N, C-alpha and C. Protein backbone atom coordinates (compact mmCIF):
# COMPACT_ATOMS: atom_id res chain seq x y z
N MET A 1 130.12 21.36 38.41
CA MET A 1 129.99 20.72 37.10
C MET A 1 129.13 19.46 37.20
N ILE A 2 129.34 18.68 38.27
CA ILE A 2 128.58 17.44 38.45
C ILE A 2 127.11 17.75 38.66
N LYS A 3 126.81 18.79 39.45
CA LYS A 3 125.43 19.17 39.70
C LYS A 3 124.75 19.57 38.41
N ARG A 4 125.48 20.27 37.53
CA ARG A 4 124.91 20.71 36.26
C ARG A 4 124.56 19.53 35.38
N ILE A 5 125.45 18.50 35.36
CA ILE A 5 125.19 17.30 34.55
C ILE A 5 123.97 16.56 35.07
N LEU A 6 123.85 16.44 36.39
CA LEU A 6 122.70 15.75 36.97
C LEU A 6 121.40 16.49 36.66
N LEU A 7 121.43 17.80 36.68
CA LEU A 7 120.24 18.59 36.39
C LEU A 7 119.80 18.40 34.94
N VAL A 8 120.76 18.42 34.01
CA VAL A 8 120.43 18.22 32.60
C VAL A 8 119.88 16.82 32.37
N SER A 9 120.47 15.81 33.03
CA SER A 9 119.99 14.43 32.88
C SER A 9 118.57 14.29 33.38
N SER A 10 118.26 14.93 34.50
CA SER A 10 116.91 14.82 35.05
C SER A 10 115.88 15.43 34.13
N LEU A 11 116.25 16.48 33.40
CA LEU A 11 115.31 17.12 32.47
C LEU A 11 114.93 16.18 31.34
N PHE A 12 115.86 15.31 30.93
CA PHE A 12 115.57 14.37 29.85
C PHE A 12 114.85 13.13 30.36
N ILE A 13 115.14 12.70 31.58
CA ILE A 13 114.56 11.46 32.10
C ILE A 13 113.14 11.68 32.58
N SER A 14 112.86 12.79 33.24
CA SER A 14 111.56 13.02 33.85
C SER A 14 110.40 12.90 32.87
N PRO A 15 110.45 13.53 31.67
CA PRO A 15 109.33 13.39 30.74
C PRO A 15 109.07 11.95 30.33
N LEU A 16 110.17 11.16 30.21
CA LEU A 16 110.00 9.76 29.81
C LEU A 16 109.28 8.98 30.91
N VAL A 17 109.62 9.25 32.15
CA VAL A 17 108.97 8.56 33.27
C VAL A 17 107.50 8.93 33.33
N ILE A 18 107.21 10.21 33.17
CA ILE A 18 105.82 10.67 33.22
C ILE A 18 105.01 10.05 32.10
N PHE A 19 105.60 10.00 30.88
CA PHE A 19 104.87 9.43 29.74
C PHE A 19 104.57 7.96 29.98
N SER A 20 105.56 7.22 30.53
CA SER A 20 105.36 5.79 30.78
C SER A 20 104.25 5.57 31.79
N GLN A 21 104.19 6.42 32.82
CA GLN A 21 103.16 6.26 33.84
C GLN A 21 101.79 6.55 33.27
N GLU A 22 101.69 7.57 32.42
CA GLU A 22 100.40 7.91 31.83
C GLU A 22 99.94 6.84 30.86
N ASP A 23 100.92 6.21 30.17
CA ASP A 23 100.57 5.21 29.17
C ASP A 23 100.00 3.95 29.82
N GLU A 24 100.42 3.66 31.04
CA GLU A 24 99.96 2.45 31.72
C GLU A 24 99.26 2.80 33.04
N ASP A 25 98.45 3.81 33.02
CA ASP A 25 97.72 4.21 34.22
C ASP A 25 96.54 3.27 34.44
N ASN A 26 96.73 2.32 35.35
CA ASN A 26 95.70 1.31 35.58
C ASN A 26 94.43 1.87 36.21
N THR A 27 94.52 3.09 36.73
CA THR A 27 93.33 3.69 37.34
C THR A 27 92.37 4.24 36.29
N LYS A 28 92.79 4.28 35.04
CA LYS A 28 91.95 4.81 33.98
C LYS A 28 91.60 3.76 32.95
N MET A 29 91.55 2.51 33.38
CA MET A 29 91.21 1.42 32.47
C MET A 29 90.59 0.27 33.25
N VAL A 30 89.97 -0.63 32.51
CA VAL A 30 89.45 -1.88 33.08
C VAL A 30 90.23 -3.01 32.42
N ARG A 31 90.88 -3.83 33.23
CA ARG A 31 91.74 -4.88 32.68
C ARG A 31 91.58 -6.15 33.51
N GLU A 32 91.56 -7.29 32.82
CA GLU A 32 91.42 -8.57 33.51
C GLU A 32 92.04 -9.68 32.67
N VAL A 33 92.65 -10.64 33.35
CA VAL A 33 93.18 -11.84 32.69
C VAL A 33 92.20 -12.98 32.94
N VAL A 34 91.79 -13.67 31.87
CA VAL A 34 90.81 -14.75 31.97
C VAL A 34 91.43 -16.03 31.46
N ASN A 35 91.40 -17.10 32.27
CA ASN A 35 91.93 -18.40 31.85
C ASN A 35 90.90 -19.11 30.97
N VAL A 36 91.42 -19.87 29.99
CA VAL A 36 90.54 -20.59 29.06
C VAL A 36 91.01 -22.04 28.96
N MET A 37 90.12 -22.97 29.28
CA MET A 37 90.40 -24.40 29.15
C MET A 37 89.52 -24.98 28.04
N VAL A 38 90.05 -25.97 27.32
CA VAL A 38 89.30 -26.59 26.23
C VAL A 38 89.33 -28.11 26.37
N ASP A 39 88.47 -28.76 25.62
CA ASP A 39 88.38 -30.22 25.63
C ASP A 39 89.65 -30.80 25.01
N LYS A 40 90.35 -31.60 25.77
CA LYS A 40 91.62 -32.17 25.32
C LYS A 40 91.43 -33.05 24.08
N SER A 41 90.29 -33.74 23.98
CA SER A 41 90.07 -34.63 22.83
C SER A 41 89.95 -33.86 21.52
N LYS A 42 89.61 -32.57 21.60
CA LYS A 42 89.46 -31.75 20.40
C LYS A 42 90.74 -31.01 20.02
N PHE A 43 91.52 -30.64 21.01
CA PHE A 43 92.63 -29.73 20.74
C PHE A 43 94.01 -30.31 21.00
N ALA A 44 94.10 -31.50 21.63
CA ALA A 44 95.41 -32.09 21.86
C ALA A 44 96.01 -32.56 20.54
N PRO A 45 97.33 -32.45 20.34
CA PRO A 45 97.95 -32.91 19.09
C PRO A 45 97.79 -34.41 18.92
N PRO A 46 97.67 -34.91 17.69
CA PRO A 46 97.49 -36.35 17.47
C PRO A 46 98.74 -37.13 17.88
N PRO A 47 98.58 -38.40 18.31
CA PRO A 47 99.74 -39.20 18.70
C PRO A 47 100.61 -39.51 17.48
N PRO A 48 101.91 -39.74 17.69
CA PRO A 48 102.80 -40.05 16.55
C PRO A 48 102.40 -41.37 15.90
N PRO A 49 102.63 -41.51 14.57
CA PRO A 49 102.24 -42.75 13.87
C PRO A 49 103.06 -43.94 14.36
N THR A 50 102.45 -45.12 14.31
CA THR A 50 103.12 -46.35 14.71
C THR A 50 104.14 -46.76 13.65
N PRO A 51 105.39 -47.03 14.01
CA PRO A 51 106.41 -47.41 13.00
C PRO A 51 106.06 -48.73 12.34
N THR A 52 106.33 -48.84 11.03
CA THR A 52 106.05 -50.06 10.27
C THR A 52 107.33 -50.51 9.57
N ALA A 53 107.32 -51.76 9.09
CA ALA A 53 108.48 -52.31 8.40
C ALA A 53 108.67 -51.62 7.06
N ASP A 54 109.94 -51.46 6.64
CA ASP A 54 110.26 -50.81 5.37
C ASP A 54 110.03 -51.79 4.23
N PRO A 55 109.03 -51.54 3.35
CA PRO A 55 108.76 -52.49 2.25
C PRO A 55 109.84 -52.47 1.19
N HIS A 56 110.72 -51.45 1.16
CA HIS A 56 111.77 -51.33 0.15
C HIS A 56 113.10 -51.87 0.62
N ALA A 57 113.10 -52.54 1.78
CA ALA A 57 114.37 -53.09 2.29
C ALA A 57 114.88 -54.16 1.34
N LYS A 58 116.21 -54.21 1.10
CA LYS A 58 116.80 -55.18 0.16
C LYS A 58 116.75 -56.58 0.74
N LYS A 59 116.53 -57.55 -0.17
CA LYS A 59 116.49 -58.95 0.24
C LYS A 59 117.89 -59.41 0.59
N GLY A 60 118.01 -60.36 1.45
CA GLY A 60 119.30 -60.89 1.86
C GLY A 60 119.87 -60.18 3.07
N HIS A 61 119.37 -59.01 3.33
CA HIS A 61 119.81 -58.30 4.52
C HIS A 61 118.99 -58.78 5.72
N LYS A 62 119.62 -58.84 6.82
CA LYS A 62 118.90 -59.24 8.01
C LYS A 62 117.88 -58.17 8.37
N LYS A 63 116.71 -58.63 8.64
CA LYS A 63 115.66 -57.70 9.04
C LYS A 63 115.97 -57.15 10.43
N GLN A 64 115.80 -55.87 10.50
CA GLN A 64 115.98 -55.26 11.80
C GLN A 64 114.85 -55.69 12.73
N GLN A 65 115.26 -55.99 13.92
CA GLN A 65 114.27 -56.43 14.90
C GLN A 65 113.36 -55.26 15.26
N GLN A 66 112.09 -55.44 15.00
CA GLN A 66 111.12 -54.40 15.28
C GLN A 66 110.74 -54.41 16.75
N GLN A 67 110.67 -53.22 17.27
CA GLN A 67 110.26 -53.12 18.66
C GLN A 67 108.76 -52.87 18.72
N ASP A 68 108.16 -53.53 19.64
CA ASP A 68 106.73 -53.34 19.82
C ASP A 68 106.46 -51.90 20.28
N PRO A 69 105.40 -51.31 19.73
CA PRO A 69 105.08 -49.94 20.16
C PRO A 69 104.73 -49.93 21.64
N PRO A 70 105.01 -48.84 22.30
CA PRO A 70 104.70 -48.76 23.74
C PRO A 70 103.21 -48.94 23.97
N PRO A 71 102.86 -49.59 25.04
CA PRO A 71 101.43 -49.81 25.31
C PRO A 71 100.69 -48.49 25.51
N VAL A 72 99.46 -48.47 25.04
CA VAL A 72 98.64 -47.28 25.18
C VAL A 72 98.14 -47.19 26.61
N VAL A 73 98.45 -46.08 27.24
CA VAL A 73 98.04 -45.89 28.62
C VAL A 73 96.81 -45.00 28.63
N ALA A 74 95.79 -45.45 29.28
CA ALA A 74 94.56 -44.67 29.34
C ALA A 74 94.81 -43.36 30.08
N ASP A 75 94.29 -42.27 29.50
CA ASP A 75 94.44 -40.96 30.11
C ASP A 75 93.35 -40.77 31.16
N THR A 76 93.78 -40.91 32.40
CA THR A 76 92.81 -40.79 33.49
C THR A 76 92.88 -39.42 34.15
N GLY A 77 93.66 -38.51 33.54
CA GLY A 77 93.81 -37.18 34.13
C GLY A 77 92.69 -36.26 33.73
N ASN A 78 92.97 -34.98 33.82
CA ASN A 78 91.98 -33.95 33.51
C ASN A 78 91.64 -33.98 32.02
N PRO A 79 90.36 -34.08 31.66
CA PRO A 79 90.00 -34.10 30.23
C PRO A 79 90.14 -32.74 29.57
N MET A 80 90.47 -31.72 30.35
CA MET A 80 90.62 -30.38 29.80
C MET A 80 92.10 -30.00 29.74
N MET A 81 92.41 -29.04 28.89
CA MET A 81 93.77 -28.56 28.73
C MET A 81 93.73 -27.05 28.45
N PRO A 82 94.83 -26.33 28.69
CA PRO A 82 94.85 -24.90 28.36
C PRO A 82 94.64 -24.70 26.86
N ALA A 83 93.82 -23.76 26.50
CA ALA A 83 93.52 -23.51 25.09
C ALA A 83 94.75 -23.00 24.37
N PRO A 84 95.00 -23.49 23.14
CA PRO A 84 96.11 -22.95 22.35
C PRO A 84 95.88 -21.47 22.07
N SER A 85 96.96 -20.72 21.96
CA SER A 85 96.83 -19.27 21.71
C SER A 85 96.13 -19.00 20.38
N SER A 86 96.34 -19.89 19.40
CA SER A 86 95.69 -19.70 18.10
C SER A 86 94.17 -19.82 18.21
N GLU A 87 93.70 -20.70 19.07
CA GLU A 87 92.27 -20.86 19.29
C GLU A 87 91.68 -19.64 19.99
N ILE A 88 92.40 -19.13 20.99
CA ILE A 88 91.92 -17.94 21.70
C ILE A 88 91.89 -16.74 20.77
N TYR A 89 92.90 -16.60 19.94
CA TYR A 89 92.95 -15.49 18.98
C TYR A 89 91.78 -15.59 18.00
N LYS A 90 91.47 -16.81 17.58
CA LYS A 90 90.35 -17.03 16.66
C LYS A 90 89.02 -16.62 17.31
N ARG A 91 88.87 -16.92 18.59
CA ARG A 91 87.65 -16.54 19.31
C ARG A 91 87.55 -15.02 19.43
N ALA A 92 88.69 -14.36 19.65
CA ALA A 92 88.68 -12.90 19.74
C ALA A 92 88.26 -12.28 18.41
N GLN A 93 88.73 -12.85 17.32
CA GLN A 93 88.32 -12.37 15.99
C GLN A 93 86.82 -12.56 15.79
N ASN A 94 86.32 -13.70 16.22
CA ASN A 94 84.89 -13.96 16.08
C ASN A 94 84.07 -12.96 16.89
N TRP A 95 84.58 -12.58 18.06
CA TRP A 95 83.88 -11.58 18.86
C TRP A 95 83.78 -10.26 18.11
N TYR A 96 84.88 -9.87 17.48
CA TYR A 96 84.85 -8.59 16.77
C TYR A 96 83.90 -8.65 15.57
N LYS A 97 83.90 -9.76 14.86
CA LYS A 97 83.07 -9.88 13.65
C LYS A 97 81.58 -9.97 13.98
N ALA A 98 81.26 -10.50 15.17
CA ALA A 98 79.85 -10.65 15.54
C ALA A 98 79.20 -9.28 15.76
N LYS A 99 77.98 -9.13 15.28
CA LYS A 99 77.27 -7.86 15.42
C LYS A 99 76.77 -7.70 16.85
N ALA A 100 77.07 -6.56 17.45
CA ALA A 100 76.60 -6.27 18.80
C ALA A 100 75.24 -5.58 18.73
N ILE A 101 74.43 -5.75 19.77
CA ILE A 101 73.08 -5.20 19.78
C ILE A 101 73.07 -3.76 20.31
N LYS A 102 73.83 -3.50 21.37
CA LYS A 102 73.72 -2.22 22.05
C LYS A 102 74.86 -1.24 21.73
N PHE A 103 75.82 -1.66 20.93
CA PHE A 103 76.90 -0.75 20.57
C PHE A 103 77.47 -1.12 19.20
N VAL A 104 78.32 -0.25 18.69
CA VAL A 104 78.91 -0.45 17.36
C VAL A 104 80.42 -0.62 17.50
N LYS A 105 80.94 -1.66 16.85
CA LYS A 105 82.39 -1.89 16.83
C LYS A 105 82.96 -1.38 15.51
N ALA A 106 84.12 -0.76 15.56
CA ALA A 106 84.73 -0.21 14.35
C ALA A 106 86.24 -0.17 14.50
N ASN A 107 86.92 0.10 13.36
CA ASN A 107 88.39 0.25 13.33
C ASN A 107 89.09 -0.96 13.93
N GLY A 108 88.64 -2.15 13.55
CA GLY A 108 89.26 -3.36 14.06
C GLY A 108 90.64 -3.59 13.46
N THR A 109 91.57 -4.02 14.29
CA THR A 109 92.92 -4.37 13.86
C THR A 109 93.34 -5.67 14.52
N ASN A 110 94.30 -6.38 13.91
CA ASN A 110 94.83 -7.58 14.53
C ASN A 110 96.30 -7.71 14.16
N SER A 111 97.05 -8.36 15.04
CA SER A 111 98.48 -8.51 14.84
C SER A 111 98.92 -9.97 14.86
N GLY A 112 97.97 -10.89 14.78
CA GLY A 112 98.29 -12.31 14.85
C GLY A 112 98.13 -12.87 16.25
N SER A 113 98.18 -12.02 17.26
CA SER A 113 97.96 -12.47 18.64
C SER A 113 97.06 -11.50 19.40
N ASN A 114 96.88 -10.28 18.87
CA ASN A 114 96.03 -9.28 19.53
C ASN A 114 94.92 -8.84 18.59
N VAL A 115 93.79 -8.52 19.18
CA VAL A 115 92.66 -7.95 18.44
C VAL A 115 92.23 -6.68 19.16
N SER A 116 92.04 -5.59 18.42
CA SER A 116 91.63 -4.34 19.05
C SER A 116 90.59 -3.64 18.19
N CYS A 117 89.79 -2.79 18.82
CA CYS A 117 88.76 -2.04 18.09
C CYS A 117 88.24 -0.91 18.97
N ASN A 118 87.36 -0.10 18.40
CA ASN A 118 86.66 0.95 19.15
C ASN A 118 85.21 0.52 19.32
N ALA A 119 84.61 0.89 20.43
CA ALA A 119 83.19 0.63 20.67
C ALA A 119 82.50 1.96 20.94
N THR A 120 81.31 2.13 20.36
CA THR A 120 80.56 3.38 20.53
C THR A 120 79.14 3.06 20.99
N PHE A 121 78.75 3.66 22.09
CA PHE A 121 77.40 3.55 22.64
C PHE A 121 76.69 4.89 22.47
N THR A 122 75.41 4.83 22.17
CA THR A 122 74.60 6.05 22.16
C THR A 122 74.27 6.44 23.59
N TYR A 123 74.46 7.72 23.92
CA TYR A 123 74.12 8.20 25.25
C TYR A 123 72.95 9.18 25.15
N LYS A 124 71.88 8.86 25.87
CA LYS A 124 70.70 9.73 25.90
C LYS A 124 70.18 9.78 27.33
N GLN A 125 69.99 10.97 27.85
CA GLN A 125 69.52 11.12 29.22
C GLN A 125 68.09 10.59 29.36
N LYS A 126 67.84 9.96 30.51
CA LYS A 126 66.56 9.31 30.75
C LYS A 126 65.63 10.15 31.63
N ILE A 127 65.80 11.44 31.58
CA ILE A 127 64.95 12.32 32.39
C ILE A 127 64.32 13.39 31.50
N LEU A 128 63.16 13.87 31.91
CA LEU A 128 62.50 14.94 31.19
C LEU A 128 63.14 16.28 31.56
N ASN A 129 63.23 17.16 30.59
CA ASN A 129 63.80 18.49 30.80
C ASN A 129 65.15 18.42 31.50
N PRO A 130 66.14 17.78 30.88
CA PRO A 130 67.45 17.64 31.52
C PRO A 130 68.11 19.00 31.75
N GLU A 131 68.93 19.03 32.76
CA GLU A 131 69.60 20.28 33.14
C GLU A 131 70.64 20.70 32.11
N ASN A 132 71.34 19.72 31.53
CA ASN A 132 72.41 20.01 30.56
C ASN A 132 72.19 19.23 29.27
N GLU A 133 72.55 19.83 28.14
CA GLU A 133 72.41 19.17 26.84
C GLU A 133 73.66 18.34 26.56
N VAL A 134 73.67 17.13 27.07
CA VAL A 134 74.86 16.28 26.97
C VAL A 134 74.60 14.99 26.22
N ASP A 135 73.45 14.86 25.57
CA ASP A 135 73.19 13.66 24.78
C ASP A 135 74.27 13.53 23.70
N GLY A 136 74.66 12.31 23.43
CA GLY A 136 75.70 12.09 22.44
C GLY A 136 76.13 10.64 22.42
N GLU A 137 77.37 10.35 22.78
CA GLU A 137 77.86 8.97 22.75
C GLU A 137 78.97 8.75 23.78
N ILE A 138 79.13 7.48 24.13
CA ILE A 138 80.23 7.03 24.98
C ILE A 138 81.12 6.14 24.11
N THR A 139 82.40 6.45 24.07
CA THR A 139 83.32 5.67 23.25
C THR A 139 84.41 5.06 24.13
N MET A 140 85.01 3.97 23.63
CA MET A 140 86.09 3.31 24.37
C MET A 140 86.91 2.45 23.42
N ASP A 141 88.15 2.19 23.80
CA ASP A 141 89.04 1.30 23.05
C ASP A 141 89.09 -0.04 23.76
N ILE A 142 89.09 -1.12 22.96
CA ILE A 142 89.12 -2.48 23.50
C ILE A 142 90.29 -3.23 22.89
N ILE A 143 91.09 -3.86 23.72
CA ILE A 143 92.24 -4.65 23.26
C ILE A 143 92.16 -6.04 23.88
N ILE A 144 92.29 -7.06 23.05
CA ILE A 144 92.29 -8.46 23.52
C ILE A 144 93.63 -9.08 23.14
N GLU A 145 94.38 -9.54 24.14
CA GLU A 145 95.68 -10.16 23.91
C GLU A 145 95.58 -11.65 24.21
N ALA A 146 96.00 -12.47 23.26
CA ALA A 146 95.86 -13.93 23.38
C ALA A 146 97.20 -14.59 23.70
N LYS A 147 97.17 -15.47 24.69
CA LYS A 147 98.31 -16.31 25.01
C LYS A 147 97.79 -17.72 25.28
N GLU A 148 98.72 -18.67 25.39
CA GLU A 148 98.29 -20.05 25.65
C GLU A 148 97.58 -20.13 26.99
N GLY A 149 96.33 -20.60 26.94
CA GLY A 149 95.57 -20.84 28.15
C GLY A 149 94.93 -19.61 28.77
N LYS A 150 95.07 -18.45 28.14
CA LYS A 150 94.48 -17.24 28.75
C LYS A 150 94.43 -16.09 27.75
N TYR A 151 93.61 -15.11 28.08
CA TYR A 151 93.60 -13.87 27.32
C TYR A 151 93.44 -12.71 28.30
N ARG A 152 93.88 -11.55 27.87
CA ARG A 152 93.74 -10.35 28.68
C ARG A 152 93.01 -9.29 27.88
N TYR A 153 91.93 -8.79 28.46
CA TYR A 153 91.23 -7.70 27.78
C TYR A 153 91.50 -6.40 28.53
N THR A 154 91.60 -5.32 27.78
CA THR A 154 91.81 -3.99 28.33
C THR A 154 90.81 -3.04 27.69
N ILE A 155 90.09 -2.30 28.51
CA ILE A 155 89.15 -1.30 28.03
C ILE A 155 89.63 0.05 28.56
N LYS A 156 89.96 0.96 27.66
CA LYS A 156 90.53 2.24 28.08
C LYS A 156 90.07 3.36 27.15
N ASN A 157 90.56 4.57 27.42
CA ASN A 157 90.14 5.75 26.65
C ASN A 157 88.62 5.87 26.60
N ILE A 158 88.00 5.73 27.76
CA ILE A 158 86.54 5.77 27.87
C ILE A 158 86.11 7.24 27.98
N LYS A 159 85.38 7.71 26.99
CA LYS A 159 85.08 9.14 26.92
C LYS A 159 83.62 9.42 26.58
N HIS A 160 83.17 10.57 27.03
CA HIS A 160 81.84 11.07 26.67
C HIS A 160 82.00 12.19 25.66
N LYS A 161 81.23 12.09 24.57
CA LYS A 161 81.25 13.12 23.53
C LYS A 161 79.82 13.55 23.26
N ALA A 162 79.53 14.81 23.51
CA ALA A 162 78.18 15.33 23.32
C ALA A 162 77.95 15.72 21.87
N THR A 163 76.70 15.61 21.44
CA THR A 163 76.35 16.05 20.09
C THR A 163 76.47 17.57 19.97
N LYS A 164 76.09 18.27 21.02
CA LYS A 164 76.19 19.72 21.03
C LYS A 164 77.63 20.13 21.28
N GLU A 165 78.13 21.03 20.44
CA GLU A 165 79.52 21.47 20.55
C GLU A 165 79.77 22.15 21.90
N GLY A 166 80.91 21.82 22.48
CA GLY A 166 81.30 22.44 23.74
C GLY A 166 80.69 21.83 24.98
N MET A 167 79.99 20.69 24.83
CA MET A 167 79.34 20.06 25.97
C MET A 167 79.89 18.65 26.26
N SER A 168 81.05 18.34 25.74
CA SER A 168 81.62 17.01 25.94
C SER A 168 82.33 16.92 27.29
N GLY A 169 82.08 15.83 28.00
CA GLY A 169 82.72 15.63 29.30
C GLY A 169 84.11 15.05 29.20
N GLY A 170 84.39 14.35 28.07
CA GLY A 170 85.71 13.76 27.89
C GLY A 170 85.92 12.52 28.74
N ASP A 171 87.14 12.34 29.20
CA ASP A 171 87.54 11.17 29.99
C ASP A 171 86.63 11.03 31.21
N ILE A 172 85.98 9.86 31.34
CA ILE A 172 85.02 9.69 32.44
C ILE A 172 85.70 9.57 33.80
N TYR A 173 87.01 9.40 33.82
CA TYR A 173 87.72 9.31 35.09
C TYR A 173 88.13 10.69 35.63
N LEU A 174 87.83 11.74 34.88
CA LEU A 174 88.12 13.09 35.35
C LEU A 174 87.16 13.47 36.47
N ALA A 175 87.68 14.14 37.48
CA ALA A 175 86.81 14.61 38.57
C ALA A 175 85.89 15.72 38.07
N VAL A 176 86.42 16.57 37.18
CA VAL A 176 85.65 17.66 36.59
C VAL A 176 85.59 17.43 35.09
N PRO A 177 84.41 17.53 34.46
CA PRO A 177 84.31 17.28 33.03
C PRO A 177 85.21 18.20 32.21
N GLU A 178 85.56 17.72 31.04
CA GLU A 178 86.48 18.45 30.16
C GLU A 178 85.99 19.85 29.82
N CYS A 179 84.68 20.00 29.64
CA CYS A 179 84.12 21.30 29.26
C CYS A 179 83.91 22.21 30.47
N GLY A 180 84.13 21.70 31.66
CA GLY A 180 84.01 22.51 32.86
C GLY A 180 82.73 22.26 33.63
N SER A 181 82.79 22.47 34.93
CA SER A 181 81.63 22.22 35.80
C SER A 181 80.53 23.27 35.63
N MET A 182 80.83 24.37 34.97
CA MET A 182 79.81 25.38 34.72
C MET A 182 78.83 24.92 33.63
N LYS A 183 79.30 24.03 32.74
CA LYS A 183 78.45 23.54 31.65
C LYS A 183 77.79 22.21 31.99
N ILE A 184 78.50 21.37 32.73
CA ILE A 184 77.94 20.08 33.16
C ILE A 184 77.94 20.04 34.67
N SER A 185 76.78 19.93 35.26
CA SER A 185 76.68 19.91 36.72
C SER A 185 77.24 18.61 37.29
N ASP A 186 77.50 18.62 38.59
CA ASP A 186 78.03 17.42 39.25
C ASP A 186 77.07 16.24 39.10
N LEU A 187 75.77 16.49 39.21
CA LEU A 187 74.79 15.41 39.10
C LEU A 187 74.76 14.84 37.69
N THR A 188 74.79 15.71 36.69
CA THR A 188 74.79 15.24 35.30
C THR A 188 76.05 14.45 35.00
N TRP A 189 77.18 14.92 35.48
CA TRP A 189 78.45 14.21 35.25
C TRP A 189 78.43 12.84 35.93
N LYS A 190 77.79 12.76 37.09
CA LYS A 190 77.66 11.48 37.78
C LYS A 190 76.81 10.51 36.96
N HIS A 191 75.73 11.01 36.35
CA HIS A 191 74.89 10.15 35.52
C HIS A 191 75.64 9.67 34.28
N ILE A 192 76.45 10.54 33.69
CA ILE A 192 77.24 10.14 32.52
C ILE A 192 78.22 9.03 32.89
N LYS A 193 78.88 9.19 34.02
CA LYS A 193 79.84 8.17 34.47
C LYS A 193 79.14 6.84 34.72
N SER A 194 77.98 6.89 35.36
CA SER A 194 77.24 5.65 35.65
C SER A 194 76.86 4.94 34.36
N ALA A 195 76.44 5.71 33.36
CA ALA A 195 76.09 5.11 32.07
C ALA A 195 77.31 4.49 31.41
N ALA A 196 78.45 5.15 31.52
CA ALA A 196 79.69 4.63 30.93
C ALA A 196 80.11 3.32 31.61
N TYR A 197 80.00 3.25 32.93
CA TYR A 197 80.35 2.02 33.65
C TYR A 197 79.43 0.87 33.24
N ALA A 198 78.16 1.19 33.05
CA ALA A 198 77.21 0.16 32.60
C ALA A 198 77.56 -0.32 31.20
N ASP A 199 77.99 0.60 30.33
CA ASP A 199 78.39 0.23 28.97
C ASP A 199 79.62 -0.67 28.99
N ILE A 200 80.56 -0.38 29.88
CA ILE A 200 81.75 -1.21 30.01
C ILE A 200 81.36 -2.64 30.39
N GLN A 201 80.42 -2.78 31.31
CA GLN A 201 79.99 -4.11 31.74
C GLN A 201 79.32 -4.87 30.61
N ILE A 202 78.59 -4.16 29.75
CA ILE A 202 77.97 -4.80 28.59
C ILE A 202 79.03 -5.40 27.69
N VAL A 203 80.09 -4.65 27.44
CA VAL A 203 81.19 -5.14 26.60
C VAL A 203 81.83 -6.37 27.24
N ILE A 204 82.10 -6.32 28.53
CA ILE A 204 82.75 -7.44 29.22
C ILE A 204 81.89 -8.69 29.16
N ASP A 205 80.60 -8.56 29.42
CA ASP A 205 79.70 -9.72 29.42
C ASP A 205 79.63 -10.35 28.02
N GLU A 206 79.53 -9.51 27.01
CA GLU A 206 79.44 -10.03 25.64
C GLU A 206 80.75 -10.70 25.23
N LEU A 207 81.86 -10.07 25.59
CA LEU A 207 83.17 -10.62 25.23
C LEU A 207 83.40 -11.98 25.89
N LYS A 208 83.14 -12.08 27.19
CA LYS A 208 83.37 -13.34 27.90
C LYS A 208 82.48 -14.46 27.37
N ALA A 209 81.26 -14.12 27.01
CA ALA A 209 80.35 -15.13 26.47
C ALA A 209 80.87 -15.66 25.14
N ARG A 210 81.34 -14.76 24.27
CA ARG A 210 81.85 -15.17 22.96
C ARG A 210 83.16 -15.95 23.10
N MET A 211 83.99 -15.60 24.06
CA MET A 211 85.28 -16.27 24.22
C MET A 211 85.13 -17.68 24.78
N LYS A 212 83.94 -18.06 25.21
CA LYS A 212 83.69 -19.43 25.67
C LYS A 212 83.32 -20.36 24.53
N GLU A 213 83.02 -19.81 23.36
CA GLU A 213 82.59 -20.61 22.21
C GLU A 213 83.79 -21.02 21.37
N ASP A 214 83.72 -22.24 20.80
CA ASP A 214 84.81 -22.73 19.94
C ASP A 214 85.02 -21.77 18.76
N GLY A 215 86.29 -21.59 18.40
CA GLY A 215 86.61 -20.70 17.30
C GLY A 215 86.06 -21.16 15.97
N ASP A 216 85.92 -22.48 15.80
CA ASP A 216 85.42 -23.04 14.55
C ASP A 216 83.98 -23.47 14.64
N LYS A 217 83.24 -22.90 15.60
CA LYS A 217 81.85 -23.27 15.77
C LYS A 217 81.05 -22.94 14.51
N LYS A 218 80.31 -23.93 14.02
CA LYS A 218 79.55 -23.75 12.79
C LYS A 218 78.19 -23.13 13.10
N LYS A 219 77.75 -22.31 12.19
CA LYS A 219 76.45 -21.68 12.33
C LYS A 219 75.35 -22.63 11.86
N ASP A 220 74.17 -22.49 12.46
CA ASP A 220 73.04 -23.29 12.03
C ASP A 220 72.60 -22.88 10.63
N ASP A 221 72.07 -23.83 9.87
CA ASP A 221 71.60 -23.54 8.51
C ASP A 221 70.19 -22.95 8.51
N TRP A 222 69.55 -22.91 9.65
CA TRP A 222 68.18 -22.41 9.70
C TRP A 222 68.15 -20.92 9.44
């Protein structure tokens, strides 16, 4: 009876474990945590106001002895501080809104601390008389999570989709393309993967550059 119970339990637990592992498979994504520091003079909270005497105090009452405000101590420490999460989130929004040159961003969403979207690159083979008709696009999902002093970007679901039906390679981390090795040769699949990795680096470089800019940075009037 005990063996039967354990067998039934394992049937329910195993799919959940497999799903969790597939959902967070770090071998099929690019992920990095980046620290962000900002100018303390711009982002530090203002000092509390200096206490003053109450002008509405009743006459005849003894005035309360006022204490001198504490002396101002010069801040000789680091002029930088961890960026507030709200500032990092604002920069992530600005990155999504900014027009990219080499790819298209779409389906943007935000949750108050995270920004996510899809990116699409055009894929075109750079050789004459290619062996396989695999021109099309490279797509990927991008997620930016904001916390105090840092953000984490994740790039996943990186796939090749051919314009010609039945010629899509699918997930670039597959050893064999989705449509099969009979349709896409090993060399062609290698070229597709190389192009996808280059596209990922373009996204990372653009994102990091934008995340270094102030969230409230004003545009030039020119």
